[in-house]
């Protein structure tokens, strides 16, 4: 397969993943969006975390809420737990990398807040521990996943929402996570501001 064909194949696989997702994800995305809207209306915030590309997705989501998504509107409270290098490295150094998000949540998370946890594999130990802390703090959880949801999916309660992309390949899952994040932002803006 030459380079052009490989590129076309990447586009086709991404489109196929999105088509598969449109058949199974809109209702859970809507439920997650409503959960976030309720939290924001009640004066709470959304905290987001992930590793690697999922860290970038957490930051992307936070930026869309803190600044704006499409239309002008008031700023919304969101924190990406992936952005403070001094905090991340001090926790990883003094404790363990598994604790980089959970220790932040112990300080910043409050009952009524939402944790947006992102893991394509479902095996990220630091995401697992973050969800444990979020549950202890009576936070709600929106979990973006793929594959079979991994061991993290088993932690979720009835009040939480998992948005599981029907794909096995990390890059395809991440691409769809980006679209899901935009859908969540659109739901939030539409429900809160009519955009």
C-alpha atoms as a PDB file:
ATOM      1  CA  UNK A   1       0.000   0.000   0.000  1.00  0.00           C
ATOM      2  CA  UNK A   2       1.487   3.346  -0.997  1.00  0.00           C
ATOM      3  CA  UNK A   3       1.363   6.516   1.108  1.00  0.00           C
ATOM      4  CA  UNK A   4      -1.718   7.974  -0.590  1.00  0.00           C
ATOM      5  CA  UNK A   5      -3.655   4.734  -0.096  1.00  0.00           C
ATOM      6  CA  UNK A   6      -2.600   4.587   3.566  1.00  0.00           C
ATOM      7  CA  UNK A   7      -3.891   8.112   4.111  1.00  0.00           C
ATOM      8  CA  UNK A   8      -7.175   7.313   2.360  1.00  0.00           C
ATOM      9  CA  UNK A   9      -7.476   4.191   4.498  1.00  0.00           C
ATOM     10  CA  UNK A  10      -7.053   6.273   7.673  1.00  0.00           C
ATOM     11  CA  UNK A  11      -9.871   8.563   6.547  1.00  0.00           C
ATOM     12  CA  UNK A  12     -12.104   5.595   5.720  1.00  0.00           C
ATOM     13  CA  UNK A  13     -11.478   3.909   9.064  1.00  0.00           C
ATOM     14  CA  UNK A  14     -12.220   7.139  10.922  1.00  0.00           C
ATOM     15  CA  UNK A  15     -15.456   7.621   8.974  1.00  0.00           C
ATOM     16  CA  UNK A  16     -16.475   4.004   9.635  1.00  0.00           C
ATOM     17  CA  UNK A  17     -15.876   4.469  13.371  1.00  0.00           C
ATOM     18  CA  UNK A  18     -17.991   7.618  13.393  1.00  0.00           C
ATOM     19  CA  UNK A  19     -20.768   5.863  11.466  1.00  0.00           C
ATOM     20  CA  UNK A  20     -20.726   2.990  13.969  1.00  0.00           C
ATOM     21  CA  UNK A  21     -20.794   5.547  16.799  1.00  0.00           C
ATOM     22  CA  UNK A  22     -23.774   7.447  15.411  1.00  0.00           C
ATOM     23  CA  UNK A  23     -25.842   4.279  15.791  1.00  0.00           C
ATOM     24  CA  UNK A  24     -25.059   3.718  19.485  1.00  0.00           C
ATOM     25  CA  UNK A  25     -23.738   6.882  21.178  1.00  0.00           C
ATOM     26  CA  UNK A  26     -26.147   9.843  20.781  1.00  0.00           C
ATOM     27  CA  UNK A  27     -28.357   8.879  23.755  1.00  0.00           C
ATOM     28  CA  UNK A  28     -25.408   8.420  26.130  1.00  0.00           C
ATOM     29  CA  UNK A  29     -23.764  11.634  24.900  1.00  0.00           C
ATOM     30  CA  UNK A  30     -27.042  13.462  25.564  1.00  0.00           C
ATOM     31  CA  UNK A  31     -27.237  11.924  29.055  1.00  0.00           C
ATOM     32  CA  UNK A  32     -23.649  12.966  29.794  1.00  0.00           C
ATOM     33  CA  UNK A  33     -24.324  16.464  28.503  1.00  0.00           C
ATOM     34  CA  UNK A  34     -27.416  16.777  30.697  1.00  0.00           C
ATOM     35  CA  UNK A  35     -25.429  15.586  33.713  1.00  0.00           C
ATOM     36  CA  UNK A  36     -22.846  18.314  33.020  1.00  0.00           C
ATOM     37  CA  UNK A  37     -25.524  20.953  32.480  1.00  0.00           C
ATOM     38  CA  UNK A  38     -27.187  20.071  35.791  1.00  0.00           C
ATOM     39  CA  UNK A  39     -23.866  20.354  37.602  1.00  0.00           C
ATOM     40  CA  UNK A  40     -23.101  23.748  36.054  1.00  0.00           C
ATOM     41  CA  UNK A  41     -26.610  25.090  36.761  1.00  0.00           C
ATOM     42  CA  UNK A  42     -26.180  24.071  40.403  1.00  0.00           C
ATOM     43  CA  UNK A  43     -22.956  26.113  40.617  1.00  0.00           C
ATOM     44  CA  UNK A  44     -20.483  23.253  40.329  1.00  0.00           C
ATOM     45  CA  UNK A  45     -17.577  22.621  37.960  1.00  0.00           C
ATOM     46  CA  UNK A  46     -16.235  19.986  35.613  1.00  0.00           C
ATOM     47  CA  UNK A  47     -12.761  18.509  36.142  1.00  0.00           C
ATOM     48  CA  UNK A  48     -11.152  16.548  33.308  1.00  0.00           C
ATOM     49  CA  UNK A  49      -8.234  14.141  33.100  1.00  0.00           C
ATOM     50  CA  UNK A  50      -6.534  11.665  30.780  1.00  0.00           C
ATOM     51  CA  UNK A  51      -3.079  10.544  29.643  1.00  0.00           C
ATOM     52  CA  UNK A  52      -1.252  11.350  26.402  1.00  0.00           C
ATOM     53  CA  UNK A  53      -3.758  12.159  23.668  1.00  0.00           C
ATOM     54  CA  UNK A  54      -6.504  11.882  26.267  1.00  0.00           C
ATOM     55  CA  UNK A  55      -4.724  14.571  28.316  1.00  0.00           C
ATOM     56  CA  UNK A  56      -4.908  16.801  25.265  1.00  0.00           C
ATOM     57  CA  UNK A  57      -8.619  15.989  24.982  1.00  0.00           C
ATOM     58  CA  UNK A  58      -9.139  16.929  28.643  1.00  0.00           C
ATOM     59  CA  UNK A  59      -7.423  20.267  28.003  1.00  0.00           C
ATOM     60  CA  UNK A  60      -9.414  20.797  24.807  1.00  0.00           C
ATOM     61  CA  UNK A  61     -12.699  20.282  26.651  1.00  0.00           C
ATOM     62  CA  UNK A  62     -11.675  22.609  29.471  1.00  0.00           C
ATOM     63  CA  UNK A  63     -10.616  25.332  27.029  1.00  0.00           C
ATOM     64  CA  UNK A  64     -13.940  25.147  25.175  1.00  0.00           C
ATOM     65  CA  UNK A  65     -15.837  25.682  28.446  1.00  0.00           C
ATOM     66  CA  UNK A  66     -13.548  28.268  30.031  1.00  0.00           C
ATOM     67  CA  UNK A  67     -13.345  30.391  26.889  1.00  0.00           C
ATOM     68  CA  UNK A  68     -16.119  29.558  24.420  1.00  0.00           C
ATOM     69  CA  UNK A  69     -17.138  26.801  22.055  1.00  0.00           C
ATOM     70  CA  UNK A  70     -18.774  28.482  19.027  1.00  0.00           C
ATOM     71  CA  UNK A  71     -20.897  31.424  20.135  1.00  0.00           C
ATOM     72  CA  UNK A  72     -20.151  34.151  22.642  1.00  0.00           C
ATOM     73  CA  UNK A  73     -21.390  33.235  26.108  1.00  0.00           C
ATOM     74  CA  UNK A  74     -20.332  33.487  29.758  1.00  0.00           C
ATOM     75  CA  UNK A  75     -17.268  31.481  30.790  1.00  0.00           C
ATOM     76  CA  UNK A  76     -17.986  28.108  32.402  1.00  0.00           C
ATOM     77  CA  UNK A  77     -15.981  26.509  35.241  1.00  0.00           C
ATOM     78  CA  UNK A  78     -13.791  23.642  34.048  1.00  0.00           C
ATOM     79  CA  UNK A  79     -10.361  22.456  35.117  1.00  0.00           C
ATOM     80  CA  UNK A  80      -8.005  20.159  33.216  1.00  0.00           C
ATOM     81  CA  UNK A  81      -6.029  18.224  35.825  1.00  0.00           C
ATOM     82  CA  UNK A  82      -3.355  17.564  33.187  1.00  0.00           C
ATOM     83  CA  UNK A  83      -1.892  21.048  32.825  1.00  0.00           C
ATOM     84  CA  UNK A  84       0.080  21.932  35.970  1.00  0.00           C
ATOM     85  CA  UNK A  85       3.510  20.393  35.408  1.00  0.00           C
ATOM     86  CA  UNK A  86       4.781  21.314  38.882  1.00  0.00           C
ATOM     87  CA  UNK A  87       1.829  19.628  40.573  1.00  0.00           C
ATOM     88  CA  UNK A  88       1.955  16.584  38.304  1.00  0.00           C
ATOM     89  CA  UNK A  89       5.683  16.038  38.752  1.00  0.00           C
ATOM     90  CA  UNK A  90       5.681  16.666  42.497  1.00  0.00           C
ATOM     91  CA  UNK A  91       2.897  14.123  43.045  1.00  0.00           C
ATOM     92  CA  UNK A  92       4.571  11.606  40.725  1.00  0.00           C
ATOM     93  CA  UNK A  93       7.918  12.134  42.469  1.00  0.00           C
ATOM     94  CA  UNK A  94       6.719  12.210  46.084  1.00  0.00           C
ATOM     95  CA  UNK A  95       4.021   9.550  45.753  1.00  0.00           C
ATOM     96  CA  UNK A  96       3.378   7.740  42.464  1.00  0.00           C
ATOM     97  CA  UNK A  97       2.240   8.559  38.938  1.00  0.00           C
ATOM     98  CA  UNK A  98      -0.928   6.601  39.737  1.00  0.00           C
ATOM     99  CA  UNK A  99      -1.831   9.444  42.136  1.00  0.00           C
ATOM    100  CA  UNK A 100      -1.397  12.481  39.867  1.00  0.00           C
ATOM    101  CA  UNK A 101      -5.138  13.005  39.351  1.00  0.00           C
ATOM    102  CA  UNK A 102      -6.587  11.523  42.545  1.00  0.00           C
ATOM    103  CA  UNK A 103      -4.529  13.796  44.812  1.00  0.00           C
ATOM    104  CA  UNK A 104      -5.666  16.853  42.850  1.00  0.00           C
ATOM    105  CA  UNK A 105      -9.281  15.717  43.135  1.00  0.00           C
ATOM    106  CA  UNK A 106      -8.910  15.361  46.891  1.00  0.00           C
ATOM    107  CA  UNK A 107      -8.113  19.090  47.000  1.00  0.00           C
ATOM    108  CA  UNK A 108     -10.330  20.423  44.201  1.00  0.00           C
ATOM    109  CA  UNK A 109     -13.263  18.026  43.786  1.00  0.00           C
ATOM    110  CA  UNK A 110     -16.517  18.691  45.609  1.00  0.00           C
ATOM    111  CA  UNK A 111     -19.887  16.984  45.812  1.00  0.00           C
ATOM    112  CA  UNK A 112     -21.899  17.923  42.739  1.00  0.00           C
ATOM    113  CA  UNK A 113     -18.873  18.397  40.485  1.00  0.00           C
ATOM    114  CA  UNK A 114     -18.427  16.206  37.421  1.00  0.00           C
ATOM    115  CA  UNK A 115     -15.260  14.290  36.572  1.00  0.00           C
ATOM    116  CA  UNK A 116     -14.673  13.839  32.851  1.00  0.00           C
ATOM    117  CA  UNK A 117     -12.325  10.834  32.812  1.00  0.00           C
ATOM    118  CA  UNK A 118     -10.815   9.817  29.473  1.00  0.00           C
ATOM    119  CA  UNK A 119      -9.043   6.532  28.726  1.00  0.00           C
ATOM    120  CA  UNK A 120      -8.913   4.763  25.378  1.00  0.00           C
ATOM    121  CA  UNK A 121      -7.648   1.528  26.960  1.00  0.00           C
ATOM    122  CA  UNK A 122      -9.703   1.535  30.135  1.00  0.00           C
ATOM    123  CA  UNK A 123      -6.615   0.378  32.027  1.00  0.00           C
ATOM    124  CA  UNK A 124      -5.066   3.678  33.175  1.00  0.00           C
ATOM    125  CA  UNK A 125      -4.351   3.277  36.867  1.00  0.00           C
ATOM    126  CA  UNK A 126      -4.331   7.018  37.537  1.00  0.00           C
ATOM    127  CA  UNK A 127      -7.786   7.367  35.956  1.00  0.00           C
ATOM    128  CA  UNK A 128      -9.025   4.422  38.016  1.00  0.00           C
ATOM    129  CA  UNK A 129      -7.821   6.070  41.221  1.00  0.00           C
ATOM    130  CA  UNK A 130      -9.303   9.431  40.184  1.00  0.00           C
ATOM    131  CA  UNK A 131     -12.706   7.800  39.744  1.00  0.00           C
ATOM    132  CA  UNK A 132     -12.421   6.190  43.180  1.00  0.00           C
ATOM    133  CA  UNK A 133     -11.821   9.617  44.753  1.00  0.00           C
ATOM    134  CA  UNK A 134     -14.610  11.206  42.698  1.00  0.00           C
ATOM    135  CA  UNK A 135     -17.047   8.577  43.951  1.00  0.00           C
ATOM    136  CA  UNK A 136     -15.923   9.143  47.554  1.00  0.00           C
ATOM    137  CA  UNK A 137     -16.588  12.866  47.088  1.00  0.00           C
ATOM    138  CA  UNK A 138     -20.080  12.322  45.629  1.00  0.00           C
ATOM    139  CA  UNK A 139     -19.056  13.598  42.233  1.00  0.00           C
ATOM    140  CA  UNK A 140     -20.699  12.336  39.056  1.00  0.00           C
ATOM    141  CA  UNK A 141     -18.518  10.734  36.385  1.00  0.00           C
ATOM    142  CA  UNK A 142     -18.557  10.916  32.611  1.00  0.00           C
ATOM    143  CA  UNK A 143     -16.150   8.327  31.259  1.00  0.00           C
ATOM    144  CA  UNK A 144     -14.948   8.420  27.639  1.00  0.00           C
ATOM    145  CA  UNK A 145     -13.630   5.000  26.655  1.00  0.00           C
ATOM    146  CA  UNK A 146     -13.203   2.517  23.835  1.00  0.00           C
ATOM    147  CA  UNK A 147     -12.595  -1.187  23.332  1.00  0.00           C
ATOM    148  CA  UNK A 148     -14.429  -3.014  26.152  1.00  0.00           C
ATOM    149  CA  UNK A 149     -14.250  -0.127  28.648  1.00  0.00           C
ATOM    150  CA  UNK A 150     -11.468  -1.859  30.588  1.00  0.00           C
ATOM    151  CA  UNK A 151     -11.385  -2.315  34.336  1.00  0.00           C
ATOM    152  CA  UNK A 152     -12.373   1.325  34.807  1.00  0.00           C
ATOM    153  CA  UNK A 153     -15.895   0.707  33.474  1.00  0.00           C
ATOM    154  CA  UNK A 154     -16.624  -1.607  36.413  1.00  0.00           C
ATOM    155  CA  UNK A 155     -16.134   1.311  38.844  1.00  0.00           C
ATOM    156  CA  UNK A 156     -19.011   3.350  37.473  1.00  0.00           C
ATOM    157  CA  UNK A 157     -22.280   3.689  39.351  1.00  0.00           C
ATOM    158  CA  UNK A 158     -25.818   3.996  38.027  1.00  0.00           C
ATOM    159  CA  UNK A 159     -25.627   7.793  38.174  1.00  0.00           C
ATOM    160  CA  UNK A 160     -22.489   7.863  35.986  1.00  0.00           C
ATOM    161  CA  UNK A 161     -22.287   7.798  32.186  1.00  0.00           C
ATOM    162  CA  UNK A 162     -19.843   5.846  30.038  1.00  0.00           C
ATOM    163  CA  UNK A 163     -19.445   6.902  26.422  1.00  0.00           C
ATOM    164  CA  UNK A 164     -17.722   3.898  24.853  1.00  0.00           C
ATOM    165  CA  UNK A 165     -16.524   4.279  21.262  1.00  0.00           C
ATOM    166  CA  UNK A 166     -17.127   1.036  19.329  1.00  0.00           C
ATOM    167  CA  UNK A 167     -13.532   0.630  18.161  1.00  0.00           C
ATOM    168  CA  UNK A 168     -10.345  -1.205  19.091  1.00  0.00           C
ATOM    169  CA  UNK A 169      -7.668   1.066  17.586  1.00  0.00           C
ATOM    170  CA  UNK A 170      -6.469   3.893  19.841  1.00  0.00           C
ATOM    171  CA  UNK A 171      -6.247   6.495  17.060  1.00  0.00           C
ATOM    172  CA  UNK A 172      -9.812   5.823  15.917  1.00  0.00           C
ATOM    173  CA  UNK A 173     -11.083   6.020  19.509  1.00  0.00           C
ATOM    174  CA  UNK A 174      -9.250   9.318  20.067  1.00  0.00           C
ATOM    175  CA  UNK A 175     -10.627  10.814  16.858  1.00  0.00           C
ATOM    176  CA  UNK A 176     -14.148   9.986  17.945  1.00  0.00           C
ATOM    177  CA  UNK A 177     -13.471  11.282  21.466  1.00  0.00           C
ATOM    178  CA  UNK A 178     -12.714  14.647  19.853  1.00  0.00           C
ATOM    179  CA  UNK A 179     -16.114  14.659  18.158  1.00  0.00           C
ATOM    180  CA  UNK A 180     -17.820  13.566  21.392  1.00  0.00           C
ATOM    181  CA  UNK A 181     -16.176  16.469  23.237  1.00  0.00           C
ATOM    182  CA  UNK A 182     -17.578  18.869  20.658  1.00  0.00           C
ATOM    183  CA  UNK A 183     -21.009  17.255  21.013  1.00  0.00           C
ATOM    184  CA  UNK A 184     -20.859  17.712  24.793  1.00  0.00           C
ATOM    185  CA  UNK A 185     -19.882  21.366  24.374  1.00  0.00           C
ATOM    186  CA  UNK A 186     -22.747  21.864  21.919  1.00  0.00           C
ATOM    187  CA  UNK A 187     -25.257  20.258  24.319  1.00  0.00           C
ATOM    188  CA  UNK A 188     -24.026  22.440  27.179  1.00  0.00           C
ATOM    189  CA  UNK A 189     -24.185  25.639  25.126  1.00  0.00           C
ATOM    190  CA  UNK A 190     -27.606  24.809  23.677  1.00  0.00           C
ATOM    191  CA  UNK A 191     -29.144  23.880  27.037  1.00  0.00           C
ATOM    192  CA  UNK A 192     -27.672  26.817  28.956  1.00  0.00           C
ATOM    193  CA  UNK A 193     -27.730  29.568  26.355  1.00  0.00           C
ATOM    194  CA  UNK A 194     -29.893  28.405  23.439  1.00  0.00           C
ATOM    195  CA  UNK A 195     -26.997  28.404  20.966  1.00  0.00           C
END
